[in-house]
Amino acid sequence: MGMLAGLVVLAASASAKTASGARQYLKKPADWFAGAEAKRIAANILSYQSDLGGWPKNIDTTTAAFTGNRDELKPTFDNGATTDELRFLARMFDATKDDKYRAAFERGLDYILKAQYANGGWPQFFPPGRKYPRRITFNDDAMVRLLEFLRETYRSTTYDFLDGPKRDATRQAFDRGIQCILKCQIKVDGKLTVWCAQHDEIDFSPRLGRSYELPSLSGAESVGIVRLLMSLDSPSPQVVRAVQSAVAWFEEAELHGIREEIRSDARSPKGTNKVLVKDASAPPMWARFCEIGTNRPIFSDRDGVAKYDLADIGYERRNGYAWLGYWPQHLLKTEYPAWQKRRLGGQNRQRSGDH
């Protein structure tokens, strides 16, 4: 490491995002939601609810009221939007019994239920439009978050204000979502692998997202899907097979002997540059996008041309996107072995995979 002095070495796991917006308040005690501060925040959240029922992304909906043109409020499920606002409003109604919170919550819940395709998937936006947001969206854990939220609505006492038919609807939507996940799992030469970040809303095939998010096997989004499947109380044989097959793929797709660094680079636009460095002692990494059929990492500029080396794409995309990471690391080391022991009576599968 001496010759690498002065370099900024990336951490062995992706940095956790700081909780912001409605999420940062969800662990507050019940009596806080009956207080003045919670009511002020709730008023701000309500002001950002679109006429369709959902909330926009990349906006802190808690700090100030929305005063702009309501036509600019474009609801989505991307980047954590909508679900945490709904959780906050449910807590508000639970604490205050004020019907305005219940009404807003039910509008938002209806927005989620209406957005689900008949086959169980969700687009990134609703209405879905004509471009890639209409695809079944696992990107940034969008569909996984929706399913986790729906499961809360029929399990948690916080949502006891929902009537029986509505809870039945959320349970059925959850079940359809799980079936959609199973249908989307990609087969290569008859063998189940993992998932793409986006799938076709008709035939479930892997699809392009943004121009540089190519149809591929995802070493990132697939982790959240596996965790959701492992959280099921009574997994079917199909679910067990899906989890074990995905874990086997994670093991096959491990990248050894490399790590990322951010190096000082006076010639670059921002004074630093992301590079891959050979390091025999580095922990395994995974590519966010792997070529279907070969598992080779693929990288791309905004022209959508696949490259096989991070250094072969331009500065902007190379440094502006998380192409490599440690997403499955904890899953493989801790979560999956515990799941095997809990669900399968301790019959742990060998690392080489034999299913």
Protein backbone atom coordinates (compact mmCIF):
# COMPACT_ATOMS: atom_id res chain seq x y z
CA MET A 1 0.00 0.00 0.00
CA GLY A 2 2.99 2.34 0.40
CA MET A 3 3.12 3.25 -3.29
CA LEU A 4 -0.59 4.00 -3.14
CA ALA A 5 -0.17 6.66 -0.47
CA GLY A 6 -2.39 9.62 -1.00
CA LEU A 7 -5.06 7.61 -2.77
CA VAL A 8 -8.60 7.49 -1.52
CA VAL A 9 -9.50 3.81 -1.14
CA LEU A 10 -13.14 2.90 -1.48
CA ALA A 11 -14.79 1.16 1.45
CA ALA A 12 -15.45 -2.57 1.25
CA SER A 13 -19.15 -2.01 1.16
CA ALA A 14 -21.41 0.57 -0.38
CA SER A 15 -21.88 3.64 1.80
CA ALA A 16 -25.21 3.67 3.55
CA LYS A 17 -27.46 6.51 2.49
CA THR A 18 -28.31 8.92 5.25
CA ALA A 19 -31.97 8.68 6.12
CA SER A 20 -33.76 11.78 4.94
CA GLY A 21 -37.25 12.99 4.26
CA ALA A 22 -40.09 11.10 5.91
CA ARG A 23 -37.88 8.07 6.60
CA GLN A 24 -35.87 9.83 9.29
CA TYR A 25 -38.98 10.21 11.47
CA LEU A 26 -40.45 6.72 11.21
CA LYS A 27 -38.75 5.41 14.34
CA LYS A 28 -40.18 8.18 16.50
CA PRO A 29 -42.43 7.01 19.36
CA ALA A 30 -46.20 7.06 18.90
CA ASP A 31 -46.76 10.11 21.11
CA TRP A 32 -44.41 12.19 18.92
CA PHE A 33 -46.83 11.80 16.01
CA ALA A 34 -49.53 13.51 18.07
CA GLY A 35 -47.34 16.58 18.63
CA ALA A 36 -46.96 19.92 16.88
CA GLU A 37 -43.72 19.08 15.05
CA ALA A 38 -45.21 15.95 13.49
CA LYS A 39 -48.32 17.87 12.40
CA ARG A 40 -46.17 20.55 10.76
CA ILE A 41 -44.18 17.90 8.87
CA ALA A 42 -47.35 16.05 7.91
CA ALA A 43 -48.78 19.25 6.42
CA ASN A 44 -45.67 19.56 4.25
CA ILE A 45 -45.95 15.93 3.15
CA LEU A 46 -49.61 16.38 2.26
CA SER A 47 -48.76 19.40 0.13
CA TYR A 48 -46.49 17.25 -2.05
CA GLN A 49 -49.03 14.50 -2.67
CA SER A 50 -49.90 14.55 -6.34
CA ASP A 51 -53.44 14.47 -7.63
CA LEU A 52 -52.80 10.86 -8.66
CA GLY A 53 -51.95 9.92 -5.06
CA GLY A 54 -48.18 9.41 -5.08
CA TRP A 55 -45.18 11.62 -4.37
CA PRO A 56 -42.27 12.88 -6.52
CA LYS A 57 -38.70 11.66 -6.10
CA ASN A 58 -35.47 13.37 -5.05
CA ILE A 59 -37.34 15.95 -2.96
CA ASP A 60 -37.41 16.28 0.82
CA THR A 61 -41.16 16.48 1.30
CA THR A 62 -40.88 17.24 5.01
CA THR A 63 -39.03 20.55 5.41
CA ALA A 64 -41.35 23.05 3.70
CA ALA A 65 -44.73 23.10 2.01
CA PHE A 66 -44.98 22.81 -1.77
CA THR A 67 -46.07 26.11 -3.29
CA GLY A 68 -45.46 25.51 -7.00
CA ASN A 69 -47.56 24.33 -9.90
CA ARG A 70 -49.25 21.07 -8.92
CA ASP A 71 -48.88 19.82 -12.50
CA GLU A 72 -45.15 19.59 -11.74
CA LEU A 73 -45.71 16.91 -9.08
CA LYS A 74 -44.82 13.72 -10.94
CA PRO A 75 -45.43 10.72 -8.67
CA THR A 76 -43.12 7.72 -8.83
CA PHE A 77 -41.85 4.68 -6.95
CA ASP A 78 -38.24 5.47 -7.85
CA ASN A 79 -35.54 6.49 -5.36
CA GLY A 80 -37.67 5.74 -2.30
CA ALA A 81 -40.60 7.98 -3.25
CA THR A 82 -44.18 7.44 -2.00
CA THR A 83 -43.75 4.53 0.44
CA ASP A 84 -42.15 6.47 3.31
CA GLU A 85 -44.65 9.32 2.99
CA LEU A 86 -47.42 6.75 3.34
CA ARG A 87 -45.78 5.18 6.38
CA PHE A 88 -45.60 8.63 7.98
CA LEU A 89 -49.27 9.35 7.29
CA ALA A 90 -50.30 5.99 8.70
CA ARG A 91 -48.44 6.81 11.91
CA MET A 92 -50.15 10.21 11.99
CA PHE A 93 -53.63 8.71 11.72
CA ASP A 94 -52.78 6.04 14.26
CA ALA A 95 -51.77 8.78 16.73
CA THR A 96 -54.37 11.47 16.01
CA LYS A 97 -57.35 9.73 14.36
CA ASP A 98 -57.58 12.78 12.08
CA ASP A 99 -59.39 11.60 8.94
CA LYS A 100 -57.38 13.82 6.61
CA TYR A 101 -54.37 11.56 7.18
CA ARG A 102 -56.42 8.44 6.60
CA ALA A 103 -57.91 9.83 3.40
CA ALA A 104 -54.49 10.84 2.05
CA PHE A 105 -53.04 7.46 2.98
CA GLU A 106 -55.81 5.57 1.20
CA ARG A 107 -55.37 7.71 -1.92
CA GLY A 108 -51.68 6.82 -1.93
CA LEU A 109 -52.32 3.15 -1.31
CA ASP A 110 -54.86 3.09 -4.14
CA TYR A 111 -52.22 4.67 -6.38
CA ILE A 112 -49.87 1.76 -5.67
CA LEU A 113 -52.57 -0.86 -6.20
CA LYS A 114 -53.75 0.71 -9.47
CA ALA A 115 -50.17 0.85 -10.75
CA GLN A 116 -49.59 -2.90 -10.44
CA TYR A 117 -49.74 -4.79 -13.70
CA ALA A 118 -52.07 -7.78 -13.85
CA ASN A 119 -48.98 -10.01 -13.95
CA GLY A 120 -47.82 -8.67 -10.57
CA GLY A 121 -45.09 -6.24 -11.61
CA TRP A 122 -44.84 -2.49 -11.13
CA PRO A 123 -43.53 0.18 -13.49
CA GLN A 124 -41.24 2.90 -12.21
CA PHE A 125 -43.93 5.54 -12.76
CA PHE A 126 -47.70 5.45 -13.03
CA PRO A 127 -49.14 6.05 -15.53
CA PRO A 128 -46.15 4.23 -17.03
CA GLY A 129 -45.74 6.09 -20.32
CA ARG A 130 -43.96 4.67 -23.36
CA LYS A 131 -40.25 4.56 -22.44
CA TYR A 132 -38.24 2.41 -20.02
CA PRO A 133 -40.14 3.48 -16.85
CA ARG A 134 -42.99 1.26 -18.05
CA ARG A 135 -40.81 -1.82 -17.53
CA ILE A 136 -41.15 -3.99 -14.45
CA THR A 137 -38.69 -2.13 -12.27
CA PHE A 138 -36.28 -3.74 -9.81
CA ASN A 139 -33.81 -0.89 -10.30
CA ASP A 140 -32.89 0.79 -7.00
CA ASP A 141 -35.11 -1.78 -5.23
CA ALA A 142 -38.31 -0.05 -6.41
CA MET A 143 -40.50 -3.16 -6.62
CA VAL A 144 -38.99 -4.76 -3.53
CA ARG A 145 -39.81 -1.64 -1.48
CA LEU A 146 -43.40 -1.65 -2.72
CA LEU A 147 -43.84 -5.28 -1.74
CA GLU A 148 -42.32 -4.75 1.69
CA PHE A 149 -44.68 -1.83 2.24
CA LEU A 150 -47.75 -3.77 1.11
CA ARG A 151 -46.87 -6.61 3.45
CA GLU A 152 -46.77 -4.14 6.33
CA THR A 153 -50.31 -2.97 5.57
CA TYR A 154 -51.84 -6.35 6.33
CA ARG A 155 -49.45 -7.36 9.12
CA SER A 156 -48.80 -4.29 11.24
CA THR A 157 -51.33 -2.97 13.73
CA THR A 158 -50.45 0.54 12.57
CA TYR A 159 -52.71 -0.13 9.59
CA ASP A 160 -55.65 -1.55 11.53
CA PHE A 161 -57.73 1.36 10.21
CA LEU A 162 -57.81 -0.35 6.79
CA ASP A 163 -60.94 -2.41 6.24
CA GLY A 164 -60.89 -6.12 5.47
CA PRO A 165 -61.32 -5.83 1.69
CA LYS A 166 -58.47 -3.35 1.44
CA ARG A 167 -56.16 -5.59 3.44
CA ASP A 168 -57.18 -8.51 1.27
CA ALA A 169 -56.29 -6.42 -1.79
CA THR A 170 -52.83 -5.62 -0.46
CA ARG A 171 -52.20 -9.25 0.43
CA GLN A 172 -53.23 -10.37 -3.05
CA ALA A 173 -51.05 -7.68 -4.62
CA PHE A 174 -48.10 -8.93 -2.58
CA ASP A 175 -48.68 -12.52 -3.66
CA ARG A 176 -48.91 -11.49 -7.33
CA GLY A 177 -45.67 -9.56 -6.92
CA ILE A 178 -43.83 -12.61 -5.62
CA GLN A 179 -45.08 -14.67 -8.54
CA CYS A 180 -43.90 -11.96 -10.93
CA ILE A 181 -40.44 -12.08 -9.36
CA LEU A 182 -40.24 -15.80 -9.91
CA LYS A 183 -41.30 -15.41 -13.55
CA CYS A 184 -38.64 -12.76 -14.14
CA GLN A 185 -35.69 -14.81 -12.86
CA ILE A 186 -33.41 -15.28 -15.86
CA LYS A 187 -32.49 -18.74 -17.14
CA VAL A 188 -29.22 -19.35 -18.95
CA ASP A 189 -28.92 -22.75 -20.65
CA GLY A 190 -31.84 -23.96 -18.56
CA LYS A 191 -30.28 -22.83 -15.29
CA LEU A 192 -31.83 -20.15 -13.08
CA THR A 193 -29.53 -17.20 -12.34
CA VAL A 194 -30.63 -13.78 -11.05
CA TRP A 195 -32.57 -10.76 -12.33
CA CYS A 196 -32.10 -7.75 -14.57
CA ALA A 197 -32.75 -4.26 -13.21
CA GLN A 198 -35.73 -3.98 -15.60
CA HIS A 199 -37.91 -6.66 -17.19
CA ASP A 200 -40.44 -6.57 -19.98
CA GLU A 201 -43.93 -5.96 -18.69
CA ILE A 202 -45.39 -8.50 -21.12
CA ASP A 203 -42.98 -11.42 -21.48
CA PHE A 204 -40.73 -10.84 -18.38
CA SER A 205 -37.51 -10.78 -20.46
CA PRO A 206 -34.55 -8.57 -19.37
CA ARG A 207 -34.73 -5.08 -20.83
CA LEU A 208 -32.76 -1.88 -21.24
CA GLY A 209 -33.17 0.84 -18.61
CA ARG A 210 -31.38 4.08 -19.28
CA SER A 211 -29.04 3.93 -22.27
CA TYR A 212 -26.09 2.74 -20.16
CA GLU A 213 -28.16 0.23 -18.13
CA LEU A 214 -28.01 -2.68 -20.53
CA PRO A 215 -30.01 -5.93 -20.39
CA SER A 216 -27.90 -8.00 -18.03
CA LEU A 217 -27.65 -10.03 -14.84
CA SER A 218 -27.63 -7.66 -11.89
CA GLY A 219 -25.15 -8.09 -9.06
CA ALA A 220 -26.88 -5.28 -7.16
CA GLU A 221 -30.67 -5.29 -7.53
CA SER A 222 -30.81 -9.08 -7.30
CA VAL A 223 -29.63 -8.91 -3.68
CA GLY A 224 -32.74 -7.10 -2.49
CA ILE A 225 -34.93 -9.55 -4.37
CA VAL A 226 -33.25 -12.53 -2.69
CA ARG A 227 -33.64 -10.92 0.73
CA LEU A 228 -37.34 -10.44 0.10
CA LEU A 229 -37.76 -14.07 -0.97
CA MET A 230 -35.85 -15.24 2.11
CA SER A 231 -38.20 -13.21 4.31
CA LEU A 232 -41.25 -15.23 3.28
CA ASP A 233 -42.72 -17.20 6.18
CA SER A 234 -43.39 -20.44 4.32
CA PRO A 235 -41.33 -20.44 1.13
CA SER A 236 -42.57 -22.74 -1.60
CA PRO A 237 -40.15 -25.16 -3.28
CA GLN A 238 -40.08 -22.70 -6.20
CA VAL A 239 -39.02 -19.85 -3.90
CA VAL A 240 -36.35 -22.01 -2.24
CA ARG A 241 -35.01 -22.95 -5.68
CA ALA A 242 -35.00 -19.30 -6.76
CA VAL A 243 -32.99 -18.25 -3.69
CA GLN A 244 -30.49 -21.10 -3.95
CA SER A 245 -30.01 -20.54 -7.68
CA ALA A 246 -29.40 -16.82 -7.18
CA VAL A 247 -26.87 -17.49 -4.42
CA ALA A 248 -25.06 -19.96 -6.65
CA TRP A 249 -24.88 -17.29 -9.35
CA PHE A 250 -23.50 -14.71 -6.90
CA GLU A 251 -20.75 -17.20 -6.07
CA GLU A 252 -20.00 -17.83 -9.75
CA ALA A 253 -19.92 -14.11 -10.55
CA GLU A 254 -17.46 -13.09 -7.83
CA LEU A 255 -14.60 -10.91 -9.06
CA HIS A 256 -11.30 -11.56 -7.31
CA GLY A 257 -8.04 -9.68 -7.07
CA ILE A 258 -9.32 -6.17 -7.76
CA ARG A 259 -10.60 -3.14 -5.92
CA GLU A 260 -11.66 0.37 -6.83
CA GLU A 261 -9.77 3.51 -5.92
CA ILE A 262 -10.40 7.19 -6.39
CA ARG A 263 -7.08 8.66 -7.47
CA SER A 264 -6.01 12.27 -7.58
CA ASP A 265 -5.88 13.29 -11.23
CA ALA A 266 -5.14 16.91 -12.06
CA ARG A 267 -6.01 16.32 -15.72
CA SER A 268 -9.55 15.15 -14.97
CA PRO A 269 -12.56 17.48 -14.88
CA LYS A 270 -13.02 17.15 -11.11
CA GLY A 271 -9.47 16.42 -10.00
CA THR A 272 -10.03 12.74 -9.26
CA ASN A 273 -10.56 9.58 -11.27
CA LYS A 274 -11.95 6.12 -10.52
CA VAL A 275 -9.61 3.25 -11.38
CA LEU A 276 -9.40 -0.50 -10.82
CA VAL A 277 -6.31 -1.75 -9.02
CA LYS A 278 -5.03 -5.31 -8.84
CA ASP A 279 -4.91 -6.55 -5.26
CA ALA A 280 -4.69 -10.26 -4.47
CA SER A 281 -5.87 -9.63 -0.91
CA ALA A 282 -9.00 -7.71 -1.88
CA PRO A 283 -12.40 -9.19 -0.95
CA PRO A 284 -14.64 -10.34 -3.81
CA MET A 285 -16.50 -7.68 -5.76
CA TRP A 286 -19.49 -7.92 -8.07
CA ALA A 287 -20.43 -6.06 -11.21
CA ARG A 288 -23.73 -4.26 -11.28
CA PHE A 289 -24.23 -5.49 -14.85
CA CYS A 290 -23.02 -8.89 -16.05
CA GLU A 291 -23.33 -10.15 -19.59
CA ILE A 292 -26.04 -12.78 -19.90
CA GLY A 293 -24.42 -16.10 -20.76
CA THR A 294 -20.82 -15.22 -19.83
CA ASN A 295 -21.11 -13.32 -16.51
CA ARG A 296 -18.50 -10.85 -17.80
CA PRO A 297 -18.85 -7.38 -16.24
CA ILE A 298 -20.13 -4.84 -18.73
CA PHE A 299 -19.81 -1.06 -18.64
CA SER A 300 -21.24 1.56 -20.94
CA ASP A 301 -21.31 5.21 -21.79
CA ARG A 302 -24.56 6.94 -22.65
CA ASP A 303 -24.25 5.59 -26.19
CA GLY A 304 -25.25 2.16 -24.91
CA VAL A 305 -22.21 0.32 -26.30
CA ALA A 306 -21.06 -2.47 -24.00
CA LYS A 307 -17.42 -2.40 -22.90
CA TYR A 308 -15.61 -4.97 -20.79
CA ASP A 309 -13.20 -2.72 -18.92
CA LEU A 310 -14.10 0.20 -16.68
CA ALA A 311 -11.22 2.18 -18.20
CA ASP A 312 -12.79 1.88 -21.65
CA ILE A 313 -15.74 4.14 -20.89
CA GLY A 314 -15.61 7.90 -20.61
CA TYR A 315 -14.90 9.94 -17.52
CA GLU A 316 -18.49 11.02 -16.89
CA ARG A 317 -20.08 7.56 -16.66
CA ARG A 318 -16.98 5.91 -15.18
CA ASN A 319 -17.04 8.29 -12.21
CA GLY A 320 -20.75 8.99 -12.05
CA TYR A 321 -22.16 5.50 -11.54
CA ALA A 322 -21.69 2.54 -9.19
CA TRP A 323 -20.46 -0.14 -11.60
CA LEU A 324 -18.86 -2.42 -9.03
CA GLY A 325 -19.63 -3.10 -5.41
CA TYR A 326 -19.95 -5.54 -2.53
CA TRP A 327 -23.75 -5.84 -2.57
CA PRO A 328 -24.07 -9.64 -1.98
CA GLN A 329 -21.25 -9.86 0.56
CA HIS A 330 -23.30 -9.89 3.77
CA LEU A 331 -25.99 -11.99 2.14
CA LEU A 332 -23.53 -14.76 1.31
CA LYS A 333 -21.58 -14.68 4.55
CA THR A 334 -24.38 -14.28 7.07
CA GLU A 335 -27.97 -14.01 5.84
CA TYR A 336 -28.14 -16.95 3.47
CA PRO A 337 -26.47 -19.48 5.81
CA ALA A 338 -28.87 -18.40 8.58
CA TRP A 339 -31.82 -18.78 6.22
CA GLN A 340 -30.65 -22.26 5.18
CA LYS A 341 -30.37 -23.30 8.79
CA ARG A 342 -33.74 -21.82 9.73
CA ARG A 343 -35.72 -23.02 6.74
CA LEU A 344 -34.00 -26.23 5.76
CA GLY A 345 -33.05 -27.73 9.10
CA GLY A 346 -29.39 -26.84 8.84
CA GLN A 347 -28.79 -28.58 5.54
CA ASN A 348 -26.32 -25.96 4.35
CA ARG A 349 -25.26 -26.14 0.75
CA GLN A 350 -21.58 -26.20 -0.09
CA ARG A 351 -20.04 -23.06 -1.57
CA SER A 352 -19.64 -24.76 -4.95
CA GLY A 353 -23.41 -25.20 -5.23
CA ASP A 354 -25.08 -28.56 -5.67
CA HIS A 355 -28.75 -28.00 -6.37
